[in-house]
Amino acid sequence: MYERQFPKKRYQHTLRFLEEVTTKNENILDLGVSNPFSELMIRQGFKVTNTTGEDLDLDTSAVQTDAYDMVSAFEIFEHFVSPFNVLKDIRAKKLVTSIPLKLWFSNAYRSKTDMWDRHYHEFEDWQFDWLLEKAGWKVIKREKITNPVRKIGIRPLLRMFTPRYYLVYAERI
């Protein structure tokens, strides 16, 4: 349905997953500043508000509100020193999130030019499920997706069939 419509394969998978677990009537708080995917969600008819760039490791007040039905967090928890704190403090009853999975053939991402664009964590699926459970969430739906790249080499070949992203829908226990 969304083939060739989006700039990244993971956008098409994430949007399909989101449509399967929520409705366009729900108010969504998307963690992180406005970005290409949150803008895509809005264009597709979702009611989305982004956080404003605050350091959610230190200040979780943005998620401590009853104004939202769902929190979305796409490729953001790996950037937190302590994702547990924000996961624990979310008051919305639903969570849709994705993370990059830890890959045995590739080190965690670390930008050499941007101190904020680093991965403190790259989880295995069971670790992330455990973190969600400890923070008071029950995983309802999960899916892994690959992220092939158009390059030549061993790692690009491995990326064709090794899942890179983990999508999760969870509800507050």
N, C-alpha and C. Protein backbone atom coordinates (compact mmCIF):
# COMPACT_ATOMS: atom_id res chain seq x y z
N MET A 1 0.81 -1.20 0.00
CA MET A 1 0.00 0.00 0.00
C MET A 1 0.86 1.27 0.00
N TYR A 2 1.93 1.27 0.79
CA TYR A 2 2.76 2.47 0.90
C TYR A 2 4.05 2.36 0.09
N GLU A 3 4.17 1.35 -0.75
CA GLU A 3 5.39 1.17 -1.52
C GLU A 3 5.78 2.45 -2.25
N ARG A 4 7.06 2.79 -2.18
CA ARG A 4 7.65 3.93 -2.88
C ARG A 4 7.06 5.29 -2.48
N GLN A 5 6.18 5.33 -1.50
CA GLN A 5 5.56 6.58 -1.10
C GLN A 5 6.39 7.34 -0.08
N PHE A 6 7.24 6.63 0.67
CA PHE A 6 8.00 7.24 1.74
C PHE A 6 9.49 7.12 1.48
N PRO A 7 10.26 8.05 2.04
CA PRO A 7 11.70 8.06 1.77
C PRO A 7 12.45 6.89 2.40
N LYS A 8 11.89 6.26 3.41
CA LYS A 8 12.59 5.17 4.09
C LYS A 8 11.65 3.98 4.28
N LYS A 9 12.19 2.78 4.10
CA LYS A 9 11.40 1.56 4.27
C LYS A 9 10.78 1.50 5.66
N ARG A 10 11.54 1.91 6.67
CA ARG A 10 11.02 1.80 8.03
C ARG A 10 9.82 2.71 8.25
N TYR A 11 9.71 3.82 7.50
CA TYR A 11 8.54 4.69 7.60
C TYR A 11 7.28 3.93 7.21
N GLN A 12 7.36 3.20 6.11
CA GLN A 12 6.19 2.46 5.64
C GLN A 12 5.80 1.40 6.66
N HIS A 13 6.75 0.68 7.22
CA HIS A 13 6.44 -0.34 8.22
C HIS A 13 5.90 0.29 9.50
N THR A 14 6.52 1.37 9.93
CA THR A 14 6.10 2.01 11.18
C THR A 14 4.70 2.59 11.05
N LEU A 15 4.40 3.22 9.93
CA LEU A 15 3.06 3.78 9.73
C LEU A 15 2.00 2.67 9.70
N ARG A 16 2.28 1.57 9.02
CA ARG A 16 1.34 0.45 8.98
C ARG A 16 1.12 -0.09 10.40
N PHE A 17 2.20 -0.26 11.15
CA PHE A 17 2.11 -0.75 12.53
C PHE A 17 1.28 0.20 13.38
N LEU A 18 1.54 1.49 13.27
CA LEU A 18 0.80 2.51 14.02
C LEU A 18 -0.69 2.44 13.69
N GLU A 19 -1.03 2.31 12.42
CA GLU A 19 -2.43 2.23 12.01
C GLU A 19 -3.12 0.99 12.55
N GLU A 20 -2.36 -0.08 12.79
CA GLU A 20 -2.94 -1.31 13.32
C GLU A 20 -3.26 -1.21 14.82
N VAL A 21 -2.59 -0.31 15.54
CA VAL A 21 -2.75 -0.29 17.00
C VAL A 21 -3.43 0.96 17.55
N THR A 22 -3.77 1.91 16.70
CA THR A 22 -4.41 3.13 17.18
C THR A 22 -5.37 3.67 16.13
N THR A 23 -6.11 4.69 16.54
CA THR A 23 -7.00 5.36 15.60
C THR A 23 -6.54 6.80 15.43
N LYS A 24 -7.05 7.44 14.44
CA LYS A 24 -6.67 8.83 14.18
C LYS A 24 -7.40 9.80 15.09
N ASN A 25 -8.28 9.29 15.95
CA ASN A 25 -8.99 10.13 16.91
C ASN A 25 -8.20 10.35 18.19
N GLU A 26 -7.18 9.57 18.41
CA GLU A 26 -6.43 9.66 19.66
C GLU A 26 -5.38 10.77 19.59
N ASN A 27 -5.18 11.44 20.73
CA ASN A 27 -4.14 12.47 20.84
C ASN A 27 -2.82 11.78 21.15
N ILE A 28 -1.81 12.06 20.33
CA ILE A 28 -0.51 11.41 20.46
C ILE A 28 0.55 12.44 20.83
N LEU A 29 1.33 12.13 21.84
CA LEU A 29 2.52 12.91 22.17
C LEU A 29 3.70 12.16 21.61
N ASP A 30 4.40 12.78 20.66
CA ASP A 30 5.57 12.16 20.05
C ASP A 30 6.81 12.70 20.74
N LEU A 31 7.60 11.80 21.32
CA LEU A 31 8.81 12.24 22.01
C LEU A 31 9.86 12.69 21.00
N GLY A 32 10.39 13.87 21.23
CA GLY A 32 11.37 14.47 20.33
C GLY A 32 10.73 15.63 19.59
N VAL A 33 11.58 16.48 19.06
CA VAL A 33 11.09 17.64 18.31
C VAL A 33 10.48 17.17 17.00
N SER A 34 9.75 18.07 16.35
CA SER A 34 9.15 17.75 15.06
C SER A 34 10.22 17.17 14.13
N ASN A 35 9.85 16.13 13.41
CA ASN A 35 10.80 15.42 12.56
C ASN A 35 10.06 14.88 11.34
N PRO A 36 10.76 14.37 10.35
CA PRO A 36 10.07 13.89 9.15
C PRO A 36 8.98 12.86 9.42
N PHE A 37 9.18 11.96 10.40
CA PHE A 37 8.14 10.96 10.63
C PHE A 37 6.94 11.56 11.36
N SER A 38 7.15 12.43 12.33
CA SER A 38 5.99 13.04 13.01
C SER A 38 5.21 13.91 12.03
N GLU A 39 5.90 14.56 11.11
CA GLU A 39 5.21 15.34 10.07
C GLU A 39 4.42 14.42 9.14
N LEU A 40 4.96 13.26 8.84
CA LEU A 40 4.25 12.27 8.03
C LEU A 40 2.99 11.79 8.76
N MET A 41 3.11 11.54 10.07
CA MET A 41 1.95 11.12 10.86
C MET A 41 0.84 12.17 10.76
N ILE A 42 1.20 13.43 10.86
CA ILE A 42 0.21 14.52 10.77
C ILE A 42 -0.42 14.54 9.38
N ARG A 43 0.39 14.41 8.34
CA ARG A 43 -0.16 14.39 6.97
C ARG A 43 -1.10 13.22 6.76
N GLN A 44 -0.88 12.12 7.48
CA GLN A 44 -1.73 10.94 7.36
C GLN A 44 -2.98 11.04 8.23
N GLY A 45 -3.14 12.16 8.96
CA GLY A 45 -4.36 12.39 9.72
C GLY A 45 -4.30 12.14 11.21
N PHE A 46 -3.13 11.80 11.74
CA PHE A 46 -2.99 11.59 13.17
C PHE A 46 -2.88 12.94 13.89
N LYS A 47 -3.38 12.99 15.13
CA LYS A 47 -3.28 14.20 15.96
C LYS A 47 -2.01 14.08 16.80
N VAL A 48 -0.97 14.79 16.38
CA VAL A 48 0.35 14.63 16.98
C VAL A 48 0.85 15.95 17.52
N THR A 49 1.40 15.89 18.73
CA THR A 49 2.11 17.01 19.33
C THR A 49 3.49 16.50 19.70
N ASN A 50 4.52 17.25 19.37
CA ASN A 50 5.88 16.86 19.72
C ASN A 50 6.33 17.52 21.01
N THR A 51 7.27 16.87 21.68
CA THR A 51 7.93 17.54 22.80
C THR A 51 8.81 18.63 22.21
N THR A 52 9.36 19.48 23.06
CA THR A 52 10.01 20.71 22.57
C THR A 52 11.53 20.69 22.62
N GLY A 53 12.11 19.53 22.82
CA GLY A 53 13.57 19.45 22.83
C GLY A 53 14.17 19.41 24.23
N GLU A 54 13.31 19.37 25.26
CA GLU A 54 13.82 19.28 26.62
C GLU A 54 14.58 17.97 26.80
N ASP A 55 15.49 17.95 27.76
CA ASP A 55 16.27 16.75 28.06
C ASP A 55 15.40 15.83 28.92
N LEU A 56 14.79 14.84 28.29
CA LEU A 56 13.86 13.96 28.99
C LEU A 56 14.54 13.02 29.97
N ASP A 57 15.85 12.94 29.94
CA ASP A 57 16.56 12.21 31.00
C ASP A 57 16.46 12.96 32.32
N LEU A 58 16.45 14.30 32.24
CA LEU A 58 16.46 15.13 33.44
C LEU A 58 15.10 15.68 33.80
N ASP A 59 14.23 15.87 32.81
CA ASP A 59 12.93 16.50 33.04
C ASP A 59 11.86 15.71 32.29
N THR A 60 11.08 14.92 33.01
CA THR A 60 10.05 14.10 32.38
C THR A 60 8.66 14.73 32.46
N SER A 61 8.59 15.99 32.82
CA SER A 61 7.28 16.63 33.02
C SER A 61 6.43 16.62 31.74
N ALA A 62 7.04 16.59 30.57
CA ALA A 62 6.28 16.59 29.31
C ALA A 62 5.38 15.36 29.18
N VAL A 63 5.76 14.25 29.80
CA VAL A 63 4.97 13.02 29.69
C VAL A 63 4.06 12.81 30.90
N GLN A 64 4.17 13.68 31.88
CA GLN A 64 3.38 13.55 33.11
C GLN A 64 2.09 14.36 32.99
N THR A 65 1.32 14.03 31.97
CA THR A 65 0.06 14.71 31.71
C THR A 65 -0.97 13.71 31.24
N ASP A 66 -2.22 14.00 31.52
CA ASP A 66 -3.32 13.15 31.05
C ASP A 66 -3.90 13.65 29.73
N ALA A 67 -3.23 14.59 29.08
CA ALA A 67 -3.74 15.20 27.86
C ALA A 67 -3.60 14.29 26.62
N TYR A 68 -2.87 13.20 26.74
CA TYR A 68 -2.62 12.36 25.57
C TYR A 68 -3.09 10.93 25.81
N ASP A 69 -3.63 10.32 24.76
CA ASP A 69 -4.06 8.93 24.81
C ASP A 69 -2.88 7.98 24.62
N MET A 70 -1.90 8.46 23.86
CA MET A 70 -0.78 7.61 23.47
C MET A 70 0.49 8.44 23.40
N VAL A 71 1.59 7.78 23.70
CA VAL A 71 2.91 8.37 23.46
C VAL A 71 3.56 7.55 22.36
N SER A 72 4.16 8.24 21.41
CA SER A 72 4.97 7.57 20.40
C SER A 72 6.42 8.00 20.60
N ALA A 73 7.31 7.07 20.35
CA ALA A 73 8.73 7.33 20.55
C ALA A 73 9.49 6.48 19.53
N PHE A 74 9.77 7.07 18.39
CA PHE A 74 10.41 6.32 17.32
C PHE A 74 11.89 6.65 17.26
N GLU A 75 12.70 5.63 17.49
CA GLU A 75 14.16 5.75 17.52
C GLU A 75 14.62 6.90 18.41
N ILE A 76 14.19 6.89 19.66
CA ILE A 76 14.61 7.92 20.61
C ILE A 76 15.16 7.33 21.91
N PHE A 77 14.64 6.20 22.37
CA PHE A 77 15.07 5.68 23.67
C PHE A 77 16.55 5.30 23.70
N GLU A 78 17.12 4.97 22.56
CA GLU A 78 18.54 4.64 22.53
C GLU A 78 19.43 5.85 22.81
N HIS A 79 18.86 7.06 22.69
CA HIS A 79 19.61 8.29 22.94
C HIS A 79 19.58 8.73 24.40
N PHE A 80 18.75 8.07 25.22
CA PHE A 80 18.64 8.43 26.63
C PHE A 80 19.68 7.69 27.46
N VAL A 81 20.21 8.37 28.45
CA VAL A 81 21.07 7.70 29.41
C VAL A 81 20.22 6.72 30.22
N SER A 82 19.02 7.15 30.58
CA SER A 82 18.13 6.31 31.39
C SER A 82 16.71 6.33 30.83
N PRO A 83 16.42 5.50 29.84
CA PRO A 83 15.06 5.48 29.30
C PRO A 83 14.02 5.03 30.31
N PHE A 84 14.43 4.33 31.36
CA PHE A 84 13.50 3.87 32.38
C PHE A 84 12.71 5.03 32.99
N ASN A 85 13.39 6.13 33.29
CA ASN A 85 12.73 7.26 33.96
C ASN A 85 11.55 7.80 33.16
N VAL A 86 11.74 8.04 31.89
CA VAL A 86 10.64 8.59 31.10
C VAL A 86 9.56 7.53 30.87
N LEU A 87 9.95 6.28 30.66
CA LEU A 87 8.96 5.21 30.48
C LEU A 87 8.08 5.06 31.72
N LYS A 88 8.67 5.17 32.88
CA LYS A 88 7.95 5.04 34.14
C LYS A 88 6.99 6.21 34.34
N ASP A 89 7.37 7.41 33.92
CA ASP A 89 6.59 8.61 34.18
C ASP A 89 5.49 8.90 33.16
N ILE A 90 5.44 8.19 32.05
CA ILE A 90 4.40 8.41 31.05
C ILE A 90 3.03 8.11 31.66
N ARG A 91 2.10 9.05 31.52
CA ARG A 91 0.74 8.84 32.05
C ARG A 91 -0.23 8.32 31.00
N ALA A 92 0.09 8.49 29.73
CA ALA A 92 -0.77 7.95 28.68
C ALA A 92 -0.88 6.44 28.88
N LYS A 93 -1.99 5.89 28.43
CA LYS A 93 -2.25 4.45 28.63
C LYS A 93 -1.65 3.57 27.54
N LYS A 94 -1.20 4.20 26.45
CA LYS A 94 -0.66 3.44 25.32
C LYS A 94 0.69 4.00 24.90
N LEU A 95 1.52 3.11 24.38
CA LEU A 95 2.85 3.48 23.91
C LEU A 95 3.15 2.74 22.62
N VAL A 96 3.59 3.48 21.61
CA VAL A 96 4.09 2.87 20.38
C VAL A 96 5.51 3.37 20.22
N THR A 97 6.43 2.44 20.09
CA THR A 97 7.82 2.83 20.04
C THR A 97 8.60 1.92 19.10
N SER A 98 9.73 2.43 18.66
CA SER A 98 10.66 1.60 17.91
C SER A 98 12.07 1.96 18.36
N ILE A 99 12.91 0.95 18.30
CA ILE A 99 14.32 1.13 18.65
C ILE A 99 15.17 0.40 17.63
N PRO A 100 16.40 0.86 17.44
CA PRO A 100 17.32 0.05 16.64
C PRO A 100 17.82 -1.10 17.51
N LEU A 101 17.87 -2.28 16.94
CA LEU A 101 18.35 -3.44 17.66
C LEU A 101 19.88 -3.49 17.66
N LYS A 102 20.41 -4.07 18.69
CA LYS A 102 21.86 -4.30 18.76
C LYS A 102 22.20 -5.36 17.71
N LEU A 103 23.19 -5.05 16.89
CA LEU A 103 23.61 -5.97 15.85
C LEU A 103 24.99 -6.53 16.18
N TRP A 104 25.15 -7.81 16.06
CA TRP A 104 26.42 -8.44 16.40
C TRP A 104 27.55 -8.02 15.46
N PHE A 105 27.21 -7.56 14.28
CA PHE A 105 28.24 -7.22 13.29
C PHE A 105 28.47 -5.71 13.15
N SER A 106 27.90 -4.92 14.05
CA SER A 106 28.03 -3.47 13.95
C SER A 106 28.02 -2.84 15.35
N ASN A 107 28.95 -1.93 15.59
CA ASN A 107 29.00 -1.24 16.88
C ASN A 107 27.85 -0.25 17.01
N ALA A 108 27.57 0.16 18.24
CA ALA A 108 26.54 1.18 18.50
C ALA A 108 26.93 2.47 17.79
N TYR A 109 25.92 3.20 17.34
CA TYR A 109 26.14 4.44 16.60
C TYR A 109 26.67 5.53 17.53
N ARG A 110 27.72 6.21 17.07
CA ARG A 110 28.29 7.32 17.83
C ARG A 110 28.75 8.40 16.86
N SER A 111 28.03 9.49 16.82
CA SER A 111 28.41 10.61 15.95
C SER A 111 29.67 11.25 16.49
N LYS A 112 30.57 11.57 15.61
CA LYS A 112 31.80 12.24 16.01
C LYS A 112 31.65 13.75 16.02
N THR A 113 30.54 14.26 15.44
CA THR A 113 30.35 15.71 15.33
C THR A 113 29.20 16.24 16.17
N ASP A 114 28.27 15.39 16.56
CA ASP A 114 27.08 15.84 17.30
C ASP A 114 27.00 15.09 18.61
N MET A 115 27.21 15.81 19.73
CA MET A 115 27.24 15.13 21.02
C MET A 115 25.88 14.56 21.43
N TRP A 116 24.78 15.04 20.84
CA TRP A 116 23.45 14.54 21.18
C TRP A 116 23.06 13.33 20.34
N ASP A 117 23.64 13.20 19.18
CA ASP A 117 23.26 12.13 18.26
C ASP A 117 24.15 10.90 18.49
N ARG A 118 23.92 10.26 19.64
CA ARG A 118 24.68 9.06 20.00
C ARG A 118 23.72 8.05 20.60
N HIS A 119 24.08 6.81 20.46
CA HIS A 119 23.28 5.75 21.06
C HIS A 119 23.94 5.28 22.35
N TYR A 120 23.31 5.59 23.47
CA TYR A 120 23.79 5.08 24.74
C TYR A 120 23.43 3.60 24.87
N HIS A 121 22.34 3.23 24.22
CA HIS A 121 21.86 1.84 24.29
C HIS A 121 21.47 1.38 22.89
N GLU A 122 21.81 0.18 22.56
CA GLU A 122 21.19 -0.53 21.46
C GLU A 122 20.80 -1.87 22.07
N PHE A 123 19.50 -2.07 22.16
CA PHE A 123 18.95 -3.20 22.90
C PHE A 123 18.80 -4.44 22.05
N GLU A 124 18.77 -5.58 22.72
CA GLU A 124 18.21 -6.78 22.12
C GLU A 124 16.72 -6.72 22.45
N ASP A 125 15.89 -7.41 21.68
CA ASP A 125 14.45 -7.31 21.89
C ASP A 125 14.04 -7.68 23.31
N TRP A 126 14.59 -8.74 23.86
CA TRP A 126 14.22 -9.18 25.20
C TRP A 126 14.60 -8.15 26.26
N GLN A 127 15.70 -7.42 26.05
CA GLN A 127 16.11 -6.38 27.00
C GLN A 127 15.10 -5.24 27.01
N PHE A 128 14.66 -4.85 25.83
CA PHE A 128 13.71 -3.74 25.74
C PHE A 128 12.36 -4.16 26.33
N ASP A 129 11.91 -5.38 26.05
CA ASP A 129 10.67 -5.88 26.65
C ASP A 129 10.77 -5.85 28.17
N TRP A 130 11.90 -6.25 28.70
CA TRP A 130 12.12 -6.29 30.13
C TRP A 130 12.08 -4.88 30.72
N LEU A 131 12.71 -3.94 30.03
CA LEU A 131 12.68 -2.54 30.46
C LEU A 131 11.25 -2.01 30.49
N LEU A 132 10.48 -2.28 29.45
CA LEU A 132 9.09 -1.84 29.41
C LEU A 132 8.30 -2.45 30.57
N GLU A 133 8.47 -3.74 30.80
CA GLU A 133 7.75 -4.40 31.89
C GLU A 133 8.11 -3.79 33.24
N LYS A 134 9.38 -3.56 33.46
CA LYS A 134 9.83 -2.98 34.74
C LYS A 134 9.26 -1.57 34.93
N ALA A 135 9.04 -0.83 33.84
CA ALA A 135 8.51 0.53 33.90
C ALA A 135 6.98 0.55 33.95
N GLY A 136 6.33 -0.63 33.97
CA GLY A 136 4.88 -0.69 34.13
C GLY A 136 4.08 -0.84 32.85
N TRP A 137 4.69 -1.42 31.81
CA TRP A 137 4.03 -1.61 30.52
C TRP A 137 3.88 -3.09 30.22
N LYS A 138 2.84 -3.43 29.48
CA LYS A 138 2.65 -4.79 28.98
C LYS A 138 2.73 -4.74 27.46
N VAL A 139 3.65 -5.49 26.89
CA VAL A 139 3.80 -5.53 25.43
C VAL A 139 2.63 -6.31 24.85
N ILE A 140 1.90 -5.67 23.93
CA ILE A 140 0.73 -6.27 23.29
C ILE A 140 1.09 -6.77 21.89
N LYS A 141 1.90 -6.02 21.19
CA LYS A 141 2.26 -6.37 19.81
C LYS A 141 3.71 -5.98 19.58
N ARG A 142 4.41 -6.80 18.83
CA ARG A 142 5.81 -6.52 18.51
C ARG A 142 6.13 -6.99 17.11
N GLU A 143 7.11 -6.35 16.51
CA GLU A 143 7.50 -6.71 15.15
C GLU A 143 8.94 -6.26 14.93
N LYS A 144 9.70 -7.08 14.23
CA LYS A 144 11.07 -6.72 13.85
C LYS A 144 11.10 -6.48 12.34
N ILE A 145 11.90 -5.49 11.93
CA ILE A 145 12.01 -5.22 10.50
C ILE A 145 13.48 -5.07 10.11
N THR A 146 13.76 -5.42 8.88
CA THR A 146 15.11 -5.25 8.35
C THR A 146 15.24 -3.84 7.78
N ASN A 147 16.46 -3.45 7.51
CA ASN A 147 16.71 -2.14 6.91
C ASN A 147 17.85 -2.26 5.90
N PRO A 148 17.55 -2.86 4.74
CA PRO A 148 18.60 -3.01 3.73
C PRO A 148 19.14 -1.66 3.27
N VAL A 149 20.40 -1.63 2.95
CA VAL A 149 21.02 -0.42 2.41
C VAL A 149 21.56 -0.73 1.03
N ARG A 150 21.67 0.29 0.21
CA ARG A 150 22.15 0.09 -1.16
C ARG A 150 23.65 0.31 -1.24
N LYS A 151 24.36 -0.61 -0.64
CA LYS A 151 25.81 -0.58 -0.65
C LYS A 151 26.30 -2.00 -0.89
N ILE A 152 27.57 -2.12 -1.23
CA ILE A 152 28.17 -3.43 -1.46
C ILE A 152 29.06 -3.76 -0.27
N GLY A 153 28.98 -5.00 0.19
CA GLY A 153 29.83 -5.43 1.30
C GLY A 153 29.13 -6.46 2.15
N ILE A 154 29.88 -6.96 3.13
CA ILE A 154 29.35 -7.99 4.02
C ILE A 154 28.24 -7.43 4.90
N ARG A 155 28.48 -6.28 5.54
CA ARG A 155 27.45 -5.72 6.43
C ARG A 155 26.17 -5.35 5.68
N PRO A 156 26.26 -4.71 4.50
CA PRO A 156 25.01 -4.47 3.75
C PRO A 156 24.29 -5.77 3.40
N LEU A 157 25.02 -6.82 3.10
CA LEU A 157 24.40 -8.11 2.81
C LEU A 157 23.69 -8.65 4.06
N LEU A 158 24.35 -8.56 5.21
CA LEU A 158 23.73 -9.03 6.46
C LEU A 158 22.49 -8.22 6.81
N ARG A 159 22.49 -6.92 6.49
CA ARG A 159 21.33 -6.07 6.79
C ARG A 159 20.10 -6.44 5.95
N MET A 160 20.28 -7.19 4.88
CA MET A 160 19.15 -7.59 4.05
C MET A 160 18.24 -8.58 4.79
N PHE A 161 18.80 -9.36 5.69
CA PHE A 161 17.98 -10.36 6.37
C PHE A 161 18.09 -10.34 7.90
N THR A 162 18.90 -9.45 8.45
CA THR A 162 19.01 -9.32 9.90
C THR A 162 18.13 -8.17 10.36
N PRO A 163 17.16 -8.41 11.24
CA PRO A 163 16.31 -7.32 11.70
C PRO A 163 17.13 -6.20 12.35
N ARG A 164 16.80 -4.97 11.99
CA ARG A 164 17.50 -3.80 12.53
C ARG A 164 16.63 -3.00 13.50
N TYR A 165 15.31 -2.98 13.26
CA TYR A 165 14.41 -2.19 14.10
C TYR A 165 13.39 -3.09 14.78
N TYR A 166 12.99 -2.65 15.96
CA TYR A 166 12.03 -3.38 16.77
C TYR A 166 10.88 -2.42 17.09
N LEU A 167 9.69 -2.75 16.60
CA LEU A 167 8.49 -1.95 16.84
C LEU A 167 7.68 -2.62 17.95
N VAL A 168 7.17 -1.79 18.88
CA VAL A 168 6.43 -2.32 20.02
C VAL A 168 5.20 -1.47 20.28
N TYR A 169 4.08 -2.13 20.54
CA TYR A 169 2.89 -1.49 21.07
C TYR A 169 2.68 -2.04 22.46
N ALA A 170 2.59 -1.15 23.45
CA ALA A 170 2.42 -1.58 24.84
C ALA A 170 1.31 -0.77 25.48
N GLU A 171 0.71 -1.36 26.50
CA GLU A 171 -0.31 -0.66 27.29
C GLU A 171 0.11 -0.63 28.74
N ARG A 172 -0.29 0.44 29.40
CA ARG A 172 0.04 0.61 30.82
C ARG A 172 -0.67 -0.46 31.64
N ILE A 173 0.06 -1.10 32.51
CA ILE A 173 -0.48 -2.16 33.37
C ILE A 173 -1.29 -1.51 34.49
